[in-house]
Amino acid sequence: MERGNFVDYIRISVKSGKGGAGSAHFMRTKYNPEAGPDGGDGGRGGHIILRGNSQLWTLLHLRWYKNVVAEDGGNGRDNNSTGKNGEDVIIEVPLGTQAFDEETGDLEVEILEDGEEVIWIPGGQGGRGNSYFKSATNQAPDYAQPGMPSTEGWKVLELKMLADVGLVGFPNAGKSTLLSTITAATPKIADYAFTTLTPQLGMVAYRNDRSFCIADLPGIIEGAHEGKGLGHRFLRHIERNPVLLFLIPADSSDHKKDYEILVNELEMYNPELLDKQFLLAISKSDMLDDELKEAIAAELPAGVPHVFISSVTQQGLSQLKDMLWDALNAAPKE
């Protein structure tokens, strides 16, 4: 049920409204049977609009909403009456949603702000009525434009979660425990691999009423970029995080190698991920003495800030928050 309720990829069929036809009508009155053209324009077809909603976290609400059809525009009428515009369809989506054309793979729309509205699939323009074409040299046009056709096709909505910090690590590295300790989030925690089956978000309270958002992503395994394990499906969410916090447990047999494997998986998936700011935390450090910490620190990659933490004893968590805040407010990497 937990996995089923997190939906970050939806394929839907969309069809905007077609434009209404213009009218080719001529006014006829009792005293003027040839009063001239008075055909009105057709109404615009309904748009399909995407609207950002910060209260939504998944695309679950669209799972059974696979055929989206907007209303057609009304035809123009006599007396220069314009046809009714087709009713727009507004689809509310979580922030971080991208819309793609399935056939071409082109990115069409990206929603990043609450309340942001973007016309995704425009409705067809209504046709001009014959009164529009009246002129000194063409006083009785007997034609009008048809409405423009609708636009339809298969589209893809893909969610990439918006968070300031993304937690990266192997299964059972302690990511869920850390998230539950420094935020109010309650991810599932257990002593087996892949406890986290869906991304979890939490807000970290910082000094002076400041805060930032942190995301616990499903554990990455070696070969995740090839679709192994759960990592491949959720690597896309890391693309949104300006800071990545690598978690490696203190009882790892080779901390540097584990870090290199994780970085390699990110690079193989998307080399641009290497431009993000990396931080490294050694979790479960309550089992280490000072001598072991020094030995581990000596083998860690140079240039990557690190901290030893323990979610159980709260060791190093204040220092970790400081590191994360400083990284989020530092100048971006060149």
Protein backbone atom coordinates (compact mmCIF):
# COMPACT_ATOMS: atom_id res chain seq x y z
CA MET A 1 0.00 0.00 0.00
CA GLU A 2 2.86 2.40 0.78
CA ARG A 3 4.49 1.77 -2.58
CA GLY A 4 1.13 1.86 -4.37
CA ASN A 5 0.28 5.27 -2.95
CA PHE A 6 3.43 6.91 -4.23
CA VAL A 7 3.01 7.53 -7.95
CA ASP A 8 5.66 9.60 -9.74
CA TYR A 9 5.00 8.59 -13.36
CA ILE A 10 1.69 8.77 -15.23
CA ARG A 11 0.85 8.20 -18.89
CA ILE A 12 -2.36 9.91 -19.99
CA SER A 13 -4.31 10.63 -23.16
CA VAL A 14 -5.19 14.30 -23.64
CA LYS A 15 -7.43 16.15 -26.07
CA SER A 16 -8.08 19.88 -26.05
CA GLY A 17 -11.33 21.35 -27.33
CA LYS A 18 -11.70 22.21 -30.99
CA GLY A 19 -12.63 25.74 -31.98
CA GLY A 20 -16.19 26.58 -32.90
CA ALA A 21 -17.03 27.43 -36.50
CA GLY A 22 -17.77 31.01 -37.52
CA SER A 23 -21.25 31.81 -38.77
CA ALA A 24 -22.00 32.82 -42.38
CA HIS A 25 -25.30 34.51 -41.56
CA PHE A 26 -26.95 37.52 -43.21
CA MET A 27 -29.19 39.91 -41.33
CA ARG A 28 -32.68 40.31 -42.74
CA THR A 29 -35.13 42.79 -41.26
CA LYS A 30 -38.62 43.81 -42.19
CA TYR A 31 -37.48 46.97 -43.86
CA ASN A 32 -34.04 45.83 -44.95
CA PRO A 33 -34.01 42.24 -46.24
CA GLU A 34 -30.36 42.58 -47.24
CA ALA A 35 -28.90 44.28 -44.15
CA GLY A 36 -25.58 42.51 -44.59
CA PRO A 37 -23.48 39.84 -42.93
CA ASP A 38 -23.80 39.44 -39.17
CA GLY A 39 -22.24 36.04 -38.56
CA GLY A 40 -20.32 35.87 -35.28
CA ASP A 41 -17.01 34.19 -34.52
CA GLY A 42 -16.73 30.70 -33.12
CA GLY A 43 -15.65 30.19 -29.52
CA ARG A 44 -12.22 28.96 -28.49
CA GLY A 45 -11.83 25.30 -27.60
CA GLY A 46 -11.03 24.46 -24.00
CA HIS A 47 -7.40 24.41 -22.86
CA ILE A 48 -5.83 21.71 -20.72
CA ILE A 49 -3.99 23.54 -17.95
CA LEU A 50 -1.49 22.32 -15.36
CA ARG A 51 -1.63 24.01 -11.96
CA GLY A 52 0.94 23.61 -9.17
CA ASN A 53 -0.40 22.50 -5.79
CA SER A 54 2.01 22.42 -2.84
CA GLN A 55 -0.37 20.16 -0.92
CA LEU A 56 0.12 17.31 -3.39
CA TRP A 57 3.13 15.01 -3.08
CA THR A 58 2.42 12.35 -5.70
CA LEU A 59 0.52 11.83 -8.97
CA LEU A 60 -1.73 9.26 -7.31
CA HIS A 61 -4.90 11.29 -7.93
CA LEU A 62 -4.34 10.95 -11.68
CA ARG A 63 -3.96 7.17 -11.68
CA TRP A 64 -7.55 6.62 -12.83
CA TYR A 65 -7.82 9.88 -14.77
CA LYS A 66 -6.24 8.62 -17.97
CA ASN A 67 -8.41 10.36 -20.59
CA VAL A 68 -8.51 14.13 -20.28
CA VAL A 69 -10.84 15.83 -22.76
CA ALA A 70 -11.62 19.56 -22.82
CA GLU A 71 -14.88 21.01 -24.12
CA ASP A 72 -15.26 22.18 -27.72
CA GLY A 73 -15.94 25.82 -28.48
CA GLY A 74 -19.44 26.85 -29.52
CA ASN A 75 -20.30 27.93 -33.07
CA GLY A 76 -20.82 31.59 -33.90
CA ARG A 77 -24.39 32.81 -34.31
CA ASP A 78 -26.30 35.57 -35.99
CA ASN A 79 -26.37 39.16 -34.77
CA ASN A 80 -22.54 39.00 -34.42
CA SER A 81 -22.88 36.68 -31.43
CA THR A 82 -19.64 34.91 -30.57
CA GLY A 83 -19.83 31.24 -29.68
CA LYS A 84 -19.17 30.11 -26.12
CA ASN A 85 -15.57 29.25 -25.24
CA GLY A 86 -15.04 25.63 -24.32
CA GLU A 87 -14.52 24.99 -20.61
CA ASP A 88 -10.90 24.53 -19.65
CA VAL A 89 -9.68 21.44 -17.80
CA ILE A 90 -7.32 22.19 -14.92
CA ILE A 91 -5.07 19.37 -13.71
CA GLU A 92 -3.49 19.98 -10.32
CA VAL A 93 -0.03 18.47 -9.93
CA PRO A 94 2.65 18.48 -7.20
CA LEU A 95 5.55 20.88 -7.47
CA GLY A 96 8.39 19.41 -9.49
CA THR A 97 6.12 17.85 -12.13
CA GLN A 98 7.34 17.74 -15.71
CA ALA A 99 5.14 17.06 -18.74
CA PHE A 100 6.56 15.28 -21.79
CA ASP A 101 5.27 14.30 -25.21
CA GLU A 102 5.41 10.52 -25.29
CA GLU A 103 6.25 10.25 -28.98
CA THR A 104 9.05 12.82 -29.16
CA GLY A 105 10.19 12.81 -25.53
CA ASP A 106 10.24 16.63 -25.57
CA LEU A 107 9.75 18.49 -22.29
CA GLU A 108 6.65 20.66 -22.72
CA VAL A 109 5.82 22.04 -19.28
CA GLU A 110 7.50 22.21 -15.87
CA ILE A 111 5.64 23.22 -12.71
CA LEU A 112 7.78 24.54 -9.85
CA GLU A 113 5.60 27.02 -7.90
CA ASP A 114 2.40 26.75 -5.90
CA GLY A 115 -0.54 28.17 -7.86
CA GLU A 116 1.46 28.37 -11.09
CA GLU A 117 -0.80 27.76 -14.10
CA VAL A 118 0.51 26.86 -17.54
CA ILE A 119 -1.54 26.12 -20.65
CA TRP A 120 -0.30 22.67 -21.54
CA ILE A 121 -2.56 21.67 -24.45
CA PRO A 122 -4.12 24.78 -26.05
CA GLY A 123 -7.63 24.64 -27.40
CA GLY A 124 -8.34 25.33 -31.06
CA GLN A 125 -8.98 28.93 -32.09
CA GLY A 126 -12.56 29.73 -33.07
CA GLY A 127 -13.25 30.52 -36.73
CA ARG A 128 -14.10 34.01 -37.93
CA GLY A 129 -17.70 34.78 -38.87
CA ASN A 130 -18.55 36.33 -42.24
CA SER A 131 -19.02 39.78 -40.70
CA TYR A 132 -15.25 39.85 -40.08
CA PHE A 133 -14.57 39.65 -43.83
CA LYS A 134 -16.92 42.49 -44.81
CA SER A 135 -15.16 45.34 -46.59
CA ALA A 136 -15.87 48.12 -49.06
CA THR A 137 -15.03 45.77 -51.92
CA ASN A 138 -16.61 42.67 -50.39
CA GLN A 139 -19.89 43.76 -48.82
CA ALA A 140 -21.60 40.38 -48.77
CA PRO A 141 -19.06 37.62 -47.91
CA ASP A 142 -20.93 34.34 -47.87
CA TYR A 143 -18.24 32.33 -46.14
CA ALA A 144 -16.83 31.89 -42.64
CA GLN A 145 -13.88 30.09 -41.14
CA PRO A 146 -14.15 26.66 -39.56
CA GLY A 147 -12.73 26.35 -36.07
CA MET A 148 -9.17 25.13 -35.60
CA PRO A 149 -8.91 21.44 -34.72
CA SER A 150 -8.18 20.12 -31.26
CA THR A 151 -4.79 18.80 -30.19
CA GLU A 152 -4.59 15.27 -28.88
CA GLY A 153 -2.06 12.62 -28.08
CA TRP A 154 -0.40 10.55 -25.36
CA LYS A 155 1.57 12.48 -22.79
CA VAL A 156 3.68 11.63 -19.76
CA LEU A 157 3.68 13.37 -16.38
CA GLU A 158 6.79 12.74 -14.31
CA LEU A 159 7.40 13.94 -10.76
CA LYS A 160 10.84 14.93 -9.56
CA MET A 161 10.54 15.79 -5.90
CA LEU A 162 11.63 19.22 -4.72
CA ALA A 163 13.86 19.05 -1.66
CA ASP A 164 16.92 21.00 -0.53
CA VAL A 165 18.91 17.95 0.53
CA GLY A 166 18.80 14.41 -0.81
CA LEU A 167 20.00 11.45 1.27
CA VAL A 168 22.07 9.00 -0.76
CA GLY A 169 23.25 5.64 0.49
CA PHE A 170 23.01 1.88 0.38
CA PRO A 171 20.09 0.08 2.01
CA ASN A 172 20.30 0.08 5.81
CA ALA A 173 22.74 3.00 5.87
CA GLY A 174 20.55 4.74 8.44
CA LYS A 175 18.83 7.27 6.18
CA SER A 176 15.32 6.65 7.49
CA THR A 177 16.50 6.74 11.09
CA LEU A 178 18.29 10.04 10.49
CA LEU A 179 15.20 11.54 8.83
CA SER A 180 12.96 10.48 11.71
CA THR A 181 15.43 11.98 14.20
CA ILE A 182 16.00 15.43 12.73
CA THR A 183 12.49 15.95 11.27
CA ALA A 184 8.91 15.10 12.15
CA ALA A 185 8.72 12.53 9.34
CA THR A 186 7.92 8.94 10.26
CA PRO A 187 9.46 6.68 7.58
CA LYS A 188 9.31 2.93 7.96
CA ILE A 189 12.38 1.58 9.77
CA ALA A 190 13.41 -2.08 9.99
CA ASP A 191 16.47 -4.35 9.95
CA TYR A 192 16.27 -5.42 6.32
CA ALA A 193 17.24 -3.98 2.97
CA PHE A 194 14.99 -1.59 1.08
CA THR A 195 12.95 -0.54 4.10
CA THR A 196 12.22 2.69 2.23
CA LEU A 197 10.20 1.87 -0.88
CA THR A 198 9.12 5.42 -1.63
CA PRO A 199 10.77 8.84 -1.14
CA GLN A 200 10.05 10.48 2.20
CA LEU A 201 10.20 14.22 2.90
CA GLY A 202 10.80 16.04 6.16
CA MET A 203 11.45 19.60 7.32
CA VAL A 204 14.57 20.22 9.42
CA ALA A 205 14.14 22.99 11.99
CA TYR A 206 17.22 25.21 12.11
CA ARG A 207 18.26 28.23 14.14
CA ASN A 208 16.23 31.48 14.21
CA ASP A 209 13.06 29.80 12.91
CA ARG A 210 14.76 28.80 9.68
CA SER A 211 14.26 25.41 8.07
CA PHE A 212 15.09 23.32 5.03
CA CYS A 213 13.63 20.26 3.35
CA ILE A 214 15.38 16.89 3.28
CA ALA A 215 14.38 13.80 1.29
CA ASP A 216 15.11 10.17 2.14
CA LEU A 217 15.37 8.29 -1.14
CA PRO A 218 15.26 4.50 -1.56
CA GLY A 219 18.64 2.83 -1.13
CA ILE A 220 20.93 2.69 -4.13
CA ILE A 221 22.77 -0.51 -4.99
CA GLU A 222 25.64 -1.06 -7.38
CA GLY A 223 24.15 -1.19 -10.89
CA ALA A 224 21.17 1.01 -10.02
CA HIS A 225 21.70 3.08 -13.18
CA GLU A 226 21.05 -0.13 -15.16
CA GLY A 227 17.72 -0.66 -13.42
CA LYS A 228 18.86 -2.98 -10.65
CA GLY A 229 17.19 -2.79 -7.27
CA LEU A 230 14.94 0.18 -6.52
CA GLY A 231 17.45 2.93 -7.18
CA HIS A 232 16.90 3.39 -10.93
CA ARG A 233 13.29 4.43 -10.55
CA PHE A 234 14.08 7.03 -7.92
CA LEU A 235 17.40 8.41 -9.14
CA ARG A 236 15.41 11.08 -10.97
CA HIS A 237 14.44 12.66 -7.67
CA ILE A 238 18.10 13.35 -6.84
CA GLU A 239 18.26 15.69 -9.84
CA ARG A 240 16.23 18.27 -7.92
CA ASN A 241 18.42 18.37 -4.79
CA PRO A 242 21.14 21.07 -4.76
CA VAL A 243 22.93 19.26 -1.91
CA LEU A 244 23.46 15.51 -1.63
CA LEU A 245 24.30 13.95 1.73
CA PHE A 246 26.00 10.58 1.39
CA LEU A 247 25.40 8.27 4.35
CA ILE A 248 27.86 5.45 4.93
CA PRO A 249 27.55 3.30 8.08
CA ALA A 250 30.47 3.10 10.49
CA ASP A 251 30.54 -0.70 10.20
CA SER A 252 31.22 -0.58 6.43
CA SER A 253 34.23 -2.68 5.39
CA ASP A 254 35.50 0.05 3.04
CA HIS A 255 34.05 3.55 3.48
CA LYS A 256 35.91 5.11 0.56
CA LYS A 257 34.90 2.35 -1.84
CA ASP A 258 31.26 2.62 -0.81
CA TYR A 259 31.36 6.36 -1.46
CA GLU A 260 32.96 5.84 -4.87
CA ILE A 261 30.33 3.26 -5.85
CA LEU A 262 27.52 5.67 -4.95
CA VAL A 263 29.13 8.54 -6.86
CA ASN A 264 29.69 6.28 -9.86
CA GLU A 265 26.01 5.28 -9.92
CA LEU A 266 25.01 8.94 -9.97
CA GLU A 267 27.51 9.72 -12.73
CA MET A 268 26.36 6.79 -14.87
CA TYR A 269 22.75 7.92 -14.51
CA ASN A 270 23.40 11.61 -15.15
CA PRO A 271 26.90 13.19 -15.19
CA GLU A 272 25.38 16.57 -14.28
CA LEU A 273 24.72 15.22 -10.78
CA LEU A 274 28.44 15.59 -10.09
CA ASP A 275 27.99 19.37 -10.17
CA LYS A 276 25.99 19.27 -6.95
CA GLN A 277 27.44 19.86 -3.52
CA PHE A 278 28.43 16.62 -1.77
CA LEU A 279 28.59 16.06 1.98
CA LEU A 280 29.50 12.83 3.72
CA ALA A 281 28.19 11.53 7.03
CA ILE A 282 29.39 8.38 8.78
CA SER A 283 26.29 7.02 10.49
CA LYS A 284 26.06 4.72 13.51
CA SER A 285 29.23 6.36 14.88
CA ASP A 286 28.29 5.68 18.51
CA MET A 287 30.15 2.37 18.06
CA LEU A 288 33.43 4.17 17.24
CA ASP A 289 36.11 5.52 19.56
CA ASP A 290 38.33 8.48 18.68
CA GLU A 291 41.08 6.29 17.28
CA LEU A 292 38.73 4.54 14.84
CA LYS A 293 37.24 7.87 13.77
CA GLU A 294 40.71 9.16 12.93
CA ALA A 295 41.47 6.03 10.94
CA ILE A 296 38.22 6.28 8.97
CA ALA A 297 38.65 10.03 8.39
CA ALA A 298 42.09 9.40 6.88
CA GLU A 299 40.63 7.17 4.16
CA LEU A 300 37.69 9.43 3.23
CA PRO A 301 37.87 11.37 -0.06
CA ALA A 302 39.63 14.71 0.17
CA GLY A 303 37.59 17.83 -0.52
CA VAL A 304 34.29 16.36 0.67
CA PRO A 305 33.22 17.70 4.09
CA HIS A 306 32.42 14.88 6.49
CA VAL A 307 30.92 14.41 9.93
CA PHE A 308 30.48 11.47 12.27
CA ILE A 309 26.90 11.10 13.48
CA SER A 310 24.66 8.83 15.49
CA SER A 311 20.90 9.16 15.23
CA VAL A 312 20.50 7.07 18.39
CA THR A 313 22.74 9.18 20.67
CA GLN A 314 22.26 12.50 18.73
CA GLN A 315 26.03 12.65 18.23
CA GLY A 316 27.10 15.14 15.57
CA LEU A 317 23.56 16.10 14.48
CA SER A 318 23.97 19.80 15.33
CA GLN A 319 27.21 19.86 13.36
CA LEU A 320 25.47 18.07 10.48
CA LYS A 321 22.69 20.68 10.38
CA ASP A 322 25.29 23.45 10.30
CA MET A 323 27.09 21.76 7.41
CA LEU A 324 23.89 21.34 5.47
CA TRP A 325 22.78 24.92 6.03
CA ASP A 326 26.18 26.29 5.02
CA ALA A 327 26.18 24.13 1.88
CA LEU A 328 22.68 25.28 0.91
CA ASN A 329 23.69 28.91 1.25
CA ALA A 330 27.11 28.62 -0.36
CA ALA A 331 27.83 29.82 -3.87
CA PRO A 332 26.99 27.18 -6.49
CA LYS A 333 29.83 25.06 -7.88
CA GLU A 334 31.36 26.31 -11.11
